[in-house]
Amino acid sequence: MSALRVAFLTPLALLLACATAAKAEGYGFRTPSGNIYCNGLTEAGEITCTIVERSGPPAAPDTGECPAVWGHRITLNRTGPARSICGPAPRKSSYTDVAPYGVTGRFADITCLSEETGLQCTNSTGHGFFLSRRAQQLW
């Protein structure tokens, strides 16, 4: 199934597979609640996810250097730990590709699992993140 090697066995897989056949390098999806959305570049082996509404402290302490909003965007590369990054104020995504709960997707060296409890993504070196309204974790 070309470079994406998508493991989703849902309509999302068909959409991503078609996009890959057209030589698209990027992808984007959201969770069913719409509270988390992600995008990335397959060839670069990276994913960035945004959580719109969260409670509690951010997954990583604010560095004080972010002129925008801290604690809502996480990025993960094919190797190394996940990082919290500075970004614009989060808002609901208009992505039409939805990762149904209970479904795992593989994007090059990154695997993401969408569950009712949140979204977990890991890379080939075992690093990753978990995002939900109640908790955000990086490793």
Protein backbone atom coordinates (compact mmCIF):
# COMPACT_ATOMS: atom_id res chain seq x y z
CA MET A 1 0.00 0.00 0.00
CA SER A 2 2.83 2.41 -0.94
CA ALA A 3 4.95 4.51 1.43
CA LEU A 4 2.22 5.29 3.94
CA ARG A 5 1.78 1.66 4.96
CA VAL A 6 -1.47 2.56 6.70
CA ALA A 7 -2.89 -0.05 9.03
CA PHE A 8 -6.31 1.59 9.40
CA LEU A 9 -8.95 -0.81 8.17
CA THR A 10 -11.61 1.87 7.86
CA PRO A 11 -12.72 4.54 5.40
CA LEU A 12 -9.79 6.59 6.70
CA ALA A 13 -7.42 3.97 5.31
CA LEU A 14 -9.01 4.19 1.91
CA LEU A 15 -8.72 7.96 1.88
CA LEU A 16 -5.08 7.87 2.96
CA ALA A 17 -4.25 5.13 0.48
CA CYS A 18 -5.78 7.15 -2.35
CA ALA A 19 -3.86 10.23 -1.25
CA THR A 20 -0.65 8.21 -1.25
CA ALA A 21 -1.28 6.92 -4.75
CA ALA A 22 -1.44 10.55 -5.85
CA LYS A 23 2.04 11.05 -4.30
CA ALA A 24 0.73 13.09 -1.38
CA GLU A 25 3.29 13.27 1.39
CA GLY A 26 1.14 14.82 4.09
CA TYR A 27 -1.76 13.53 6.12
CA GLY A 28 -4.26 14.86 8.63
CA PHE A 29 -6.95 13.32 10.83
CA ARG A 30 -8.98 14.01 13.94
CA THR A 31 -10.45 11.93 16.74
CA PRO A 32 -14.23 11.34 16.74
CA SER A 33 -14.72 13.97 19.48
CA GLY A 34 -12.87 16.54 17.38
CA ASN A 35 -10.86 17.53 20.46
CA ILE A 36 -7.58 16.18 19.04
CA TYR A 37 -6.31 16.54 15.52
CA CYS A 38 -3.01 15.60 13.93
CA ASN A 39 -1.07 16.16 10.75
CA GLY A 40 2.32 15.21 9.48
CA LEU A 41 4.67 14.33 6.68
CA THR A 42 5.15 10.65 5.99
CA GLU A 43 8.55 10.90 4.35
CA ALA A 44 9.86 13.15 7.13
CA GLY A 45 8.58 10.70 9.75
CA GLU A 46 6.88 13.27 11.93
CA ILE A 47 3.49 14.00 13.44
CA THR A 48 2.13 17.05 15.24
CA CYS A 49 -1.06 16.81 17.26
CA THR A 50 -3.15 19.55 18.82
CA ILE A 51 -5.52 19.14 21.73
CA VAL A 52 -8.21 21.82 21.74
CA GLU A 53 -9.55 21.48 25.29
CA ARG A 54 -7.47 20.14 28.15
CA SER A 55 -7.46 20.37 31.93
CA GLY A 56 -4.58 20.35 34.36
CA PRO A 57 -1.02 21.40 33.67
CA PRO A 58 0.55 20.97 30.23
CA ALA A 59 2.59 17.84 29.50
CA ALA A 60 5.79 19.91 29.64
CA PRO A 61 6.43 23.08 31.65
CA ASP A 62 6.16 26.39 29.81
CA THR A 63 9.63 27.59 28.86
CA GLY A 64 8.49 31.21 29.03
CA GLU A 65 9.70 31.69 25.46
CA CYS A 66 6.40 31.00 23.71
CA PRO A 67 4.74 34.20 22.44
CA ALA A 68 1.56 32.26 21.57
CA VAL A 69 -0.18 29.39 23.40
CA TRP A 70 1.72 26.67 25.30
CA GLY A 71 0.63 23.14 26.15
CA HIS A 72 -1.75 22.30 23.32
CA ARG A 73 0.64 21.08 20.57
CA ILE A 74 2.86 18.01 20.66
CA THR A 75 5.29 16.87 17.99
CA LEU A 76 6.95 13.47 17.54
CA ASN A 77 9.64 12.48 15.05
CA ARG A 78 10.60 8.98 13.90
CA THR A 79 13.22 8.85 16.71
CA GLY A 80 13.63 10.67 20.00
CA PRO A 81 11.16 11.87 22.62
CA ALA A 82 7.94 13.78 21.99
CA ARG A 83 8.09 17.53 22.58
CA SER A 84 5.56 20.18 23.50
CA ILE A 85 5.76 23.08 21.05
CA CYS A 86 4.52 26.65 20.90
CA GLY A 87 1.56 27.28 18.63
CA PRO A 88 -1.48 29.36 17.82
CA ALA A 89 -4.61 29.22 19.95
CA PRO A 90 -6.20 25.81 19.37
CA ARG A 91 -9.53 25.51 17.64
CA LYS A 92 -11.61 22.61 16.36
CA SER A 93 -10.34 21.08 13.15
CA SER A 94 -12.31 20.80 9.95
CA TYR A 95 -10.53 17.56 8.98
CA THR A 96 -12.97 15.10 7.47
CA ASP A 97 -10.70 12.07 8.03
CA VAL A 98 -11.65 10.58 11.40
CA ALA A 99 -9.62 7.96 13.29
CA PRO A 100 -12.40 5.88 14.90
CA TYR A 101 -11.94 4.72 18.49
CA GLY A 102 -10.18 1.37 18.69
CA VAL A 103 -8.27 1.88 15.45
CA THR A 104 -4.50 1.94 15.00
CA GLY A 105 -2.81 3.80 12.15
CA ARG A 106 0.79 3.59 11.02
CA PHE A 107 2.48 6.56 9.40
CA ALA A 108 6.00 5.51 8.39
CA ASP A 109 7.78 4.97 11.75
CA ILE A 110 4.97 6.37 13.91
CA THR A 111 1.98 4.40 15.17
CA CYS A 112 -1.12 6.03 16.66
CA LEU A 113 -3.99 4.42 18.55
CA SER A 114 -7.30 6.27 18.86
CA GLU A 115 -9.35 5.28 21.92
CA GLU A 116 -12.23 6.81 23.86
CA THR A 117 -9.74 7.57 26.63
CA GLY A 118 -7.43 9.53 24.30
CA LEU A 119 -4.86 9.32 21.52
CA GLN A 120 -1.49 7.61 21.92
CA CYS A 121 1.30 7.85 19.36
CA THR A 122 4.71 6.14 19.54
CA ASN A 123 7.76 6.06 17.30
CA SER A 124 10.16 3.26 16.41
CA THR A 125 12.40 4.01 19.40
CA GLY A 126 9.53 3.70 21.92
CA HIS A 127 9.06 7.41 22.57
CA GLY A 128 5.67 9.04 22.26
CA PHE A 129 2.78 10.85 23.83
CA PHE A 130 -0.74 10.42 25.16
CA LEU A 131 -3.36 13.16 24.85
CA SER A 132 -6.79 13.41 26.50
CA ARG A 133 -8.80 16.17 28.13
CA ARG A 134 -7.74 14.93 31.57
CA ALA A 135 -4.08 14.11 30.97
CA GLN A 136 -1.23 14.79 28.59
CA GLN A 137 1.96 12.77 28.83
CA LEU A 138 5.25 12.78 26.92
CA TRP A 139 7.99 10.15 26.94
